[in-house]
Amino acid sequence: MFWHNMLKEYHKLSGKTYVTYRVVAPEGTLLLLEMDIKYVWVASDRRHAYILTVIDTFNRQILQ
């Protein structure tokens, strides 16, 4: 029983299916790029900064 009907009823999450394994197989360089954005603290400047990393999936090299 819920206390004076102030608590929301608990319900079970639906059975969603997510991709568990994704096979990425590009046929050559610069055909598939992956990006990642990080938000980091820079202690020397005492402020936050964004870091964008772009990687070539074929040869796993970071692009500059």
C-alpha atoms as a PDB file:
ATOM      1  CA  MET A   1       0.000   0.000   0.000  1.00  0.00           C
ATOM      2  CA  PHE A   2       1.287   3.431  -0.917  1.00  0.00           C
ATOM      3  CA  TRP A   3       1.513   6.089   1.726  1.00  0.00           C
ATOM      4  CA  HIS A   4      -1.491   8.394   1.150  1.00  0.00           C
ATOM      5  CA  ASN A   5      -1.121   7.794  -2.610  1.00  0.00           C
ATOM      6  CA  MET A   6       1.894  10.135  -2.767  1.00  0.00           C
ATOM      7  CA  LEU A   7       4.334   7.606  -4.171  1.00  0.00           C
ATOM      8  CA  LYS A   8       4.346   6.670  -7.801  1.00  0.00           C
ATOM      9  CA  GLU A   9       3.589   3.044  -8.518  1.00  0.00           C
ATOM     10  CA  TYR A  10       6.557   0.954  -9.575  1.00  0.00           C
ATOM     11  CA  HIS A  11       6.235  -0.612 -13.002  1.00  0.00           C
ATOM     12  CA  LYS A  12       8.492  -3.044 -14.774  1.00  0.00           C
ATOM     13  CA  LEU A  13      10.450  -1.687 -17.718  1.00  0.00           C
ATOM     14  CA  SER A  14       9.480  -2.917 -21.139  1.00  0.00           C
ATOM     15  CA  GLY A  15      11.604  -5.598 -22.778  1.00  0.00           C
ATOM     16  CA  LYS A  16      13.486  -3.369 -25.200  1.00  0.00           C
ATOM     17  CA  THR A  17      16.152  -4.977 -27.306  1.00  0.00           C
ATOM     18  CA  TYR A  18      19.415  -3.150 -27.917  1.00  0.00           C
ATOM     19  CA  VAL A  19      22.282  -3.859 -30.274  1.00  0.00           C
ATOM     20  CA  THR A  20      24.715  -6.050 -28.378  1.00  0.00           C
ATOM     21  CA  TYR A  21      27.392  -6.531 -31.024  1.00  0.00           C
ATOM     22  CA  ARG A  22      27.987  -4.269 -33.973  1.00  0.00           C
ATOM     23  CA  VAL A  23      30.490  -5.360 -36.595  1.00  0.00           C
ATOM     24  CA  VAL A  24      32.093  -2.431 -38.376  1.00  0.00           C
ATOM     25  CA  ALA A  25      34.092  -3.457 -41.441  1.00  0.00           C
ATOM     26  CA  PRO A  26      35.092  -0.529 -43.674  1.00  0.00           C
ATOM     27  CA  GLU A  27      36.750  -1.447 -46.962  1.00  0.00           C
ATOM     28  CA  GLY A  28      39.311   1.353 -46.996  1.00  0.00           C
ATOM     29  CA  THR A  29      40.768   4.305 -45.191  1.00  0.00           C
ATOM     30  CA  LEU A  30      38.630   7.414 -44.522  1.00  0.00           C
ATOM     31  CA  LEU A  31      35.407   5.570 -45.415  1.00  0.00           C
ATOM     32  CA  LEU A  32      34.132   5.341 -41.849  1.00  0.00           C
ATOM     33  CA  LEU A  33      35.017   7.855 -39.155  1.00  0.00           C
ATOM     34  CA  GLU A  34      34.030   7.745 -35.499  1.00  0.00           C
ATOM     35  CA  MET A  35      33.846  10.784 -33.235  1.00  0.00           C
ATOM     36  CA  ASP A  36      33.888  11.247 -29.486  1.00  0.00           C
ATOM     37  CA  ILE A  37      33.344  14.453 -27.507  1.00  0.00           C
ATOM     38  CA  LYS A  38      34.649  14.789 -23.955  1.00  0.00           C
ATOM     39  CA  TYR A  39      34.057  17.585 -21.456  1.00  0.00           C
ATOM     40  CA  VAL A  40      37.126  17.846 -19.212  1.00  0.00           C
ATOM     41  CA  TRP A  41      38.456  20.103 -16.461  1.00  0.00           C
ATOM     42  CA  VAL A  42      41.710  21.932 -17.275  1.00  0.00           C
ATOM     43  CA  ALA A  43      43.353  22.563 -13.905  1.00  0.00           C
ATOM     44  CA  SER A  44      46.022  24.968 -15.152  1.00  0.00           C
ATOM     45  CA  ASP A  45      43.385  27.343 -16.634  1.00  0.00           C
ATOM     46  CA  ARG A  46      40.763  26.520 -13.980  1.00  0.00           C
ATOM     47  CA  ARG A  47      37.958  26.000 -16.521  1.00  0.00           C
ATOM     48  CA  HIS A  48      36.281  23.302 -18.601  1.00  0.00           C
ATOM     49  CA  ALA A  49      37.100  22.463 -22.206  1.00  0.00           C
ATOM     50  CA  TYR A  50      35.730  20.231 -24.945  1.00  0.00           C
ATOM     51  CA  ILE A  51      37.915  17.622 -26.646  1.00  0.00           C
ATOM     52  CA  LEU A  52      36.825  16.235 -30.012  1.00  0.00           C
ATOM     53  CA  THR A  53      38.546  13.052 -31.167  1.00  0.00           C
ATOM     54  CA  VAL A  54      38.053  11.721 -34.708  1.00  0.00           C
ATOM     55  CA  ILE A  55      39.350   8.229 -35.480  1.00  0.00           C
ATOM     56  CA  ASP A  56      39.577   6.372 -38.791  1.00  0.00           C
ATOM     57  CA  THR A  57      37.917   3.012 -38.176  1.00  0.00           C
ATOM     58  CA  PHE A  58      39.846   1.190 -40.919  1.00  0.00           C
ATOM     59  CA  ASN A  59      43.373   1.696 -39.579  1.00  0.00           C
ATOM     60  CA  ARG A  60      42.458   2.973 -36.054  1.00  0.00           C
ATOM     61  CA  GLN A  61      44.448   6.210 -36.389  1.00  0.00           C
ATOM     62  CA  ILE A  62      43.423   9.481 -34.794  1.00  0.00           C
ATOM     63  CA  LEU A  63      42.985  12.275 -37.346  1.00  0.00           C
ATOM     64  CA  GLN A  64      44.529  15.648 -36.580  1.00  0.00           C
END
